[in-house]
Amino acid sequence: LSCAKPGIIFRLNTMAWYRQAPGN
């Protein structure tokens, strides 16, 4: 998986992956 987000916020923050299954 890939996730792109331009801007300075990306470079200054801890990044995370989340997931959501149906009903959860």
PDB file of all heavy atoms in Angstrom:
ATOM      1  N   LEU A   1       0.832  -1.191   0.000  1.00  0.00           N
ATOM      2  CA  LEU A   1       0.000   0.000   0.000  1.00  0.00           C
ATOM      3  C   LEU A   1       0.876   1.254   0.000  1.00  0.00           C
ATOM      4  O   LEU A   1       1.983   1.251   0.553  1.00  0.00           O
ATOM      5  CB  LEU A   1      -0.899   0.023   1.237  1.00  0.00           C
ATOM      6  CG  LEU A   1      -1.747  -1.217   1.500  1.00  0.00           C
ATOM      7  CD1 LEU A   1      -2.644  -0.972   2.710  1.00  0.00           C
ATOM      8  CD2 LEU A   1      -2.561  -1.599   0.282  1.00  0.00           C
ATOM      9  N   SER A   2       0.356   2.297  -0.614  1.00  0.00           N
ATOM     10  CA  SER A   2       1.045   3.591  -0.631  1.00  0.00           C
ATOM     11  C   SER A   2       0.074   4.672  -0.197  1.00  0.00           C
ATOM     12  O   SER A   2      -1.136   4.565  -0.421  1.00  0.00           O
ATOM     13  CB  SER A   2       1.554   3.923  -2.036  1.00  0.00           C
ATOM     14  OG  SER A   2       2.479   2.980  -2.485  1.00  0.00           O
ATOM     15  N   CYS A   3       0.622   5.718   0.381  1.00  0.00           N
ATOM     16  CA  CYS A   3      -0.196   6.857   0.790  1.00  0.00           C
ATOM     17  C   CYS A   3       0.627   8.116   0.609  1.00  0.00           C
ATOM     18  O   CYS A   3       1.716   8.235   1.178  1.00  0.00           O
ATOM     19  CB  CYS A   3      -0.637   6.719   2.238  1.00  0.00           C
ATOM     20  SG  CYS A   3      -1.488   8.161   2.869  1.00  0.00           S
ATOM     21  N   ALA A   4       0.112   9.038  -0.172  1.00  0.00           N
ATOM     22  CA  ALA A   4       0.816  10.283  -0.454  1.00  0.00           C
ATOM     23  C   ALA A   4       0.032  11.468   0.098  1.00  0.00           C
ATOM     24  O   ALA A   4      -1.196  11.506   0.020  1.00  0.00           O
ATOM     25  CB  ALA A   4       1.010  10.454  -1.956  1.00  0.00           C
ATOM     26  N   LYS A   5       0.771  12.427   0.631  1.00  0.00           N
ATOM     27  CA  LYS A   5       0.127  13.635   1.159  1.00  0.00           C
ATOM     28  C   LYS A   5       1.127  14.775   1.084  1.00  0.00           C
ATOM     29  O   LYS A   5       2.048  14.852   1.888  1.00  0.00           O
ATOM     30  CB  LYS A   5      -0.332  13.421   2.594  1.00  0.00           C
ATOM     31  CG  LYS A   5      -1.029  14.631   3.191  1.00  0.00           C
ATOM     32  CD  LYS A   5      -2.345  14.925   2.525  1.00  0.00           C
ATOM     33  CE  LYS A   5      -3.100  16.080   3.171  1.00  0.00           C
ATOM     34  NZ  LYS A   5      -2.511  17.378   2.846  1.00  0.00           N
ATOM     35  N   PRO A   6       1.008  15.661   0.109  1.00  0.00           N
ATOM     36  CA  PRO A   6       1.931  16.783   0.007  1.00  0.00           C
ATOM     37  C   PRO A   6       1.873  17.693   1.227  1.00  0.00           C
ATOM     38  O   PRO A   6       0.848  17.769   1.903  1.00  0.00           O
ATOM     39  CB  PRO A   6       1.435  17.527  -1.238  1.00  0.00           C
ATOM     40  CG  PRO A   6       0.666  16.527  -2.009  1.00  0.00           C
ATOM     41  CD  PRO A   6       0.031  15.640  -0.979  1.00  0.00           C
ATOM     42  N   GLY A   7       2.964  18.373   1.484  1.00  0.00           N
ATOM     43  CA  GLY A   7       2.947  19.365   2.542  1.00  0.00           C
ATOM     44  C   GLY A   7       3.908  19.065   3.677  1.00  0.00           C
ATOM     45  O   GLY A   7       4.361  17.945   3.856  1.00  0.00           O
ATOM     46  N   ILE A   8       4.155  20.090   4.453  1.00  0.00           N
ATOM     47  CA  ILE A   8       5.144  20.003   5.515  1.00  0.00           C
ATOM     48  C   ILE A   8       4.675  19.139   6.685  1.00  0.00           C
ATOM     49  O   ILE A   8       5.491  18.560   7.409  1.00  0.00           O
ATOM     50  CB  ILE A   8       5.518  21.425   6.004  1.00  0.00           C
ATOM     51  CG1 ILE A   8       6.758  21.379   6.862  1.00  0.00           C
ATOM     52  CG2 ILE A   8       4.330  22.064   6.706  1.00  0.00           C
ATOM     53  CD1 ILE A   8       8.003  20.948   6.125  1.00  0.00           C
ATOM     54  N   ILE A   9       3.384  19.032   6.868  1.00  0.00           N
ATOM     55  CA  ILE A   9       2.877  18.257   7.998  1.00  0.00           C
ATOM     56  C   ILE A   9       3.373  16.826   7.938  1.00  0.00           C
ATOM     57  O   ILE A   9       3.752  16.230   8.952  1.00  0.00           O
ATOM     58  CB  ILE A   9       1.343  18.311   8.059  1.00  0.00           C
ATOM     59  CG1 ILE A   9       0.879  19.717   8.439  1.00  0.00           C
ATOM     60  CG2 ILE A   9       0.808  17.289   9.051  1.00  0.00           C
ATOM     61  CD1 ILE A   9      -0.626  19.904   8.451  1.00  0.00           C
ATOM     62  N   PHE A  10       3.392  16.239   6.745  1.00  0.00           N
ATOM     63  CA  PHE A  10       3.869  14.867   6.595  1.00  0.00           C
ATOM     64  C   PHE A  10       5.283  14.747   7.126  1.00  0.00           C
ATOM     65  O   PHE A  10       5.613  13.839   7.894  1.00  0.00           O
ATOM     66  CB  PHE A  10       3.820  14.462   5.121  1.00  0.00           C
ATOM     67  CG  PHE A  10       4.316  13.065   4.847  1.00  0.00           C
ATOM     68  CD1 PHE A  10       3.416  12.028   4.676  1.00  0.00           C
ATOM     69  CD2 PHE A  10       5.676  12.781   4.770  1.00  0.00           C
ATOM     70  CE1 PHE A  10       3.859  10.738   4.425  1.00  0.00           C
ATOM     71  CE2 PHE A  10       6.125  11.502   4.524  1.00  0.00           C
ATOM     72  CZ  PHE A  10       5.207  10.476   4.350  1.00  0.00           C
ATOM     73  N   ARG A  11       6.139  15.661   6.744  1.00  0.00           N
ATOM     74  CA  ARG A  11       7.563  15.537   7.058  1.00  0.00           C
ATOM     75  C   ARG A  11       7.871  15.766   8.534  1.00  0.00           C
ATOM     76  O   ARG A  11       8.933  15.378   9.005  1.00  0.00           O
ATOM     77  CB  ARG A  11       8.348  16.534   6.205  1.00  0.00           C
ATOM     78  CG  ARG A  11       8.191  16.282   4.721  1.00  0.00           C
ATOM     79  CD  ARG A  11       8.884  17.315   3.887  1.00  0.00           C
ATOM     80  NE  ARG A  11       8.483  17.222   2.492  1.00  0.00           N
ATOM     81  CZ  ARG A  11       8.933  18.033   1.546  1.00  0.00           C
ATOM     82  NH1 ARG A  11       9.788  18.989   1.832  1.00  0.00           N
ATOM     83  NH2 ARG A  11       8.509  17.881   0.308  1.00  0.00           N
ATOM     84  N   LEU A  12       6.938  16.382   9.254  1.00  0.00           N
ATOM     85  CA  LEU A  12       7.182  16.725  10.652  1.00  0.00           C
ATOM     86  C   LEU A  12       6.461  15.810  11.636  1.00  0.00           C
ATOM     87  O   LEU A  12       6.549  16.039  12.843  1.00  0.00           O
ATOM     88  CB  LEU A  12       6.762  18.176  10.913  1.00  0.00           C
ATOM     89  CG  LEU A  12       7.509  19.247  10.134  1.00  0.00           C
ATOM     90  CD1 LEU A  12       6.968  20.626  10.481  1.00  0.00           C
ATOM     91  CD2 LEU A  12       9.007  19.177  10.404  1.00  0.00           C
ATOM     92  N   ASN A  13       5.753  14.812  11.125  1.00  0.00           N
ATOM     93  CA  ASN A  13       4.910  14.008  12.005  1.00  0.00           C
ATOM     94  C   ASN A  13       5.156  12.513  11.881  1.00  0.00           C
ATOM     95  O   ASN A  13       5.559  12.015  10.825  1.00  0.00           O
ATOM     96  CB  ASN A  13       3.433  14.274  11.688  1.00  0.00           C
ATOM     97  CG  ASN A  13       2.948  15.554  12.325  1.00  0.00           C
ATOM     98  OD1 ASN A  13       2.468  15.547  13.455  1.00  0.00           O
ATOM     99  ND2 ASN A  13       3.073  16.655  11.604  1.00  0.00           N
ATOM    100  N   THR A  14       4.862  11.821  12.971  1.00  0.00           N
ATOM    101  CA  THR A  14       4.799  10.371  12.931  1.00  0.00           C
ATOM    102  C   THR A  14       3.601   9.969  12.075  1.00  0.00           C
ATOM    103  O   THR A  14       2.491  10.456  12.289  1.00  0.00           O
ATOM    104  CB  THR A  14       4.643   9.807  14.348  1.00  0.00           C
ATOM    105  OG1 THR A  14       5.824  10.108  15.092  1.00  0.00           O
ATOM    106  CG2 THR A  14       4.425   8.299  14.322  1.00  0.00           C
ATOM    107  N   MET A  15       3.849   9.101  11.114  1.00  0.00           N
ATOM    108  CA  MET A  15       2.797   8.637  10.213  1.00  0.00           C
ATOM    109  C   MET A  15       2.288   7.275  10.653  1.00  0.00           C
ATOM    110  O   MET A  15       3.012   6.512  11.306  1.00  0.00           O
ATOM    111  CB  MET A  15       3.324   8.567   8.779  1.00  0.00           C
ATOM    112  CG  MET A  15       3.625   9.927   8.187  1.00  0.00           C
ATOM    113  SD  MET A  15       2.168  10.983   8.146  1.00  0.00           S
ATOM    114  CE  MET A  15       1.054   9.966   7.161  1.00  0.00           C
ATOM    115  N   ALA A  16       1.050   6.993  10.281  1.00  0.00           N
ATOM    116  CA  ALA A  16       0.422   5.753  10.726  1.00  0.00           C
ATOM    117  C   ALA A  16      -0.480   5.178   9.648  1.00  0.00           C
ATOM    118  O   ALA A  16      -1.050   5.914   8.843  1.00  0.00           O
ATOM    119  CB  ALA A  16      -0.389   6.018  11.992  1.00  0.00           C
ATOM    120  N   TRP A  17      -0.580   3.858   9.666  1.00  0.00           N
ATOM    121  CA  TRP A  17      -1.590   3.147   8.896  1.00  0.00           C
ATOM    122  C   TRP A  17      -2.647   2.641   9.876  1.00  0.00           C
ATOM    123  O   TRP A  17      -2.319   2.134  10.962  1.00  0.00           O
ATOM    124  CB  TRP A  17      -0.998   1.968   8.141  1.00  0.00           C
ATOM    125  CG  TRP A  17      -0.288   2.357   6.896  1.00  0.00           C
ATOM    126  CD1 TRP A  17       1.055   2.564   6.730  1.00  0.00           C
ATOM    127  CD2 TRP A  17      -0.878   2.619   5.613  1.00  0.00           C
ATOM    128  NE1 TRP A  17       1.330   2.929   5.430  1.00  0.00           N
ATOM    129  CE2 TRP A  17       0.160   2.961   4.721  1.00  0.00           C
ATOM    130  CE3 TRP A  17      -2.189   2.587   5.129  1.00  0.00           C
ATOM    131  CZ2 TRP A  17      -0.079   3.268   3.380  1.00  0.00           C
ATOM    132  CZ3 TRP A  17      -2.415   2.897   3.802  1.00  0.00           C
ATOM    133  CH2 TRP A  17      -1.368   3.228   2.936  1.00  0.00           C
ATOM    134  N   TYR A  18      -3.895   2.779   9.454  1.00  0.00           N
ATOM    135  CA  TYR A  18      -5.037   2.295  10.202  1.00  0.00           C
ATOM    136  C   TYR A  18      -5.842   1.364   9.296  1.00  0.00           C
ATOM    137  O   TYR A  18      -5.688   1.389   8.078  1.00  0.00           O
ATOM    138  CB  TYR A  18      -5.937   3.462  10.626  1.00  0.00           C
ATOM    139  CG  TYR A  18      -5.279   4.515  11.474  1.00  0.00           C
ATOM    140  CD1 TYR A  18      -4.500   5.513  10.898  1.00  0.00           C
ATOM    141  CD2 TYR A  18      -5.448   4.524  12.852  1.00  0.00           C
ATOM    142  CE1 TYR A  18      -3.902   6.488  11.675  1.00  0.00           C
ATOM    143  CE2 TYR A  18      -4.860   5.503  13.643  1.00  0.00           C
ATOM    144  CZ  TYR A  18      -4.094   6.484  13.044  1.00  0.00           C
ATOM    145  OH  TYR A  18      -3.503   7.457  13.827  1.00  0.00           O
ATOM    146  N   ARG A  19      -6.725   0.602   9.890  1.00  0.00           N
ATOM    147  CA  ARG A  19      -7.649  -0.191   9.087  1.00  0.00           C
ATOM    148  C   ARG A  19      -8.987  -0.301   9.809  1.00  0.00           C
ATOM    149  O   ARG A  19      -9.060  -0.205  11.034  1.00  0.00           O
ATOM    150  CB  ARG A  19      -7.078  -1.582   8.798  1.00  0.00           C
ATOM    151  CG  ARG A  19      -6.929  -2.485  10.009  1.00  0.00           C
ATOM    152  CD  ARG A  19      -6.245  -3.776   9.599  1.00  0.00           C
ATOM    153  NE  ARG A  19      -6.094  -4.695  10.721  1.00  0.00           N
ATOM    154  CZ  ARG A  19      -5.430  -5.842  10.667  1.00  0.00           C
ATOM    155  NH1 ARG A  19      -4.844  -6.225   9.521  1.00  0.00           N
ATOM    156  NH2 ARG A  19      -5.342  -6.615  11.723  1.00  0.00           N
ATOM    157  N   GLN A  20     -10.009  -0.507   8.986  1.00  0.00           N
ATOM    158  CA  GLN A  20     -11.354  -0.667   9.531  1.00  0.00           C
ATOM    159  C   GLN A  20     -12.064  -1.769   8.774  1.00  0.00           C
ATOM    160  O   GLN A  20     -12.299  -1.655   7.566  1.00  0.00           O
ATOM    161  CB  GLN A  20     -12.145   0.645   9.440  1.00  0.00           C
ATOM    162  CG  GLN A  20     -13.493   0.586  10.129  1.00  0.00           C
ATOM    163  CD  GLN A  20     -14.131   1.956  10.271  1.00  0.00           C
ATOM    164  OE1 GLN A  20     -13.784   2.905   9.574  1.00  0.00           O
ATOM    165  NE2 GLN A  20     -15.076   2.063  11.184  1.00  0.00           N
ATOM    166  N   ALA A  21     -12.404  -2.815   9.505  1.00  0.00           N
ATOM    167  CA  ALA A  21     -13.168  -3.921   8.932  1.00  0.00           C
ATOM    168  C   ALA A  21     -14.653  -3.652   9.144  1.00  0.00           C
ATOM    169  O   ALA A  21     -15.031  -2.916  10.067  1.00  0.00           O
ATOM    170  CB  ALA A  21     -12.758  -5.230   9.591  1.00  0.00           C
ATOM    171  N   PRO A  22     -15.507  -4.234   8.318  1.00  0.00           N
ATOM    172  CA  PRO A  22     -16.948  -4.011   8.466  1.00  0.00           C
ATOM    173  C   PRO A  22     -17.419  -4.337   9.876  1.00  0.00           C
ATOM    174  O   PRO A  22     -17.103  -5.389  10.425  1.00  0.00           O
ATOM    175  CB  PRO A  22     -17.549  -4.975   7.446  1.00  0.00           C
ATOM    176  CG  PRO A  22     -16.484  -5.147   6.418  1.00  0.00           C
ATOM    177  CD  PRO A  22     -15.191  -5.099   7.170  1.00  0.00           C
ATOM    178  N   GLY A  23     -18.166  -3.408  10.468  1.00  0.00           N
ATOM    179  CA  GLY A  23     -18.708  -3.615  11.801  1.00  0.00           C
ATOM    180  C   GLY A  23     -17.736  -3.365  12.926  1.00  0.00           C
ATOM    181  O   GLY A  23     -18.111  -3.483  14.103  1.00  0.00           O
ATOM    182  N   ASN A  24     -16.497  -3.014  12.580  1.00  0.00           N
ATOM    183  CA  ASN A  24     -15.485  -2.784  13.611  1.00  0.00           C
ATOM    184  C   ASN A  24     -15.051  -1.322  13.644  1.00  0.00           C
ATOM    185  O   ASN A  24     -15.250  -0.581  12.678  1.00  0.00           O
ATOM    186  CB  ASN A  24     -14.247  -3.642  13.337  1.00  0.00           C
ATOM    187  CG  ASN A  24     -14.503  -5.109  13.575  1.00  0.00           C
ATOM    188  OD1 ASN A  24     -15.591  -5.503  13.993  1.00  0.00           O
ATOM    189  ND2 ASN A  24     -13.513  -5.925  13.277  1.00  0.00           N
TER     190      ASN A  24
END
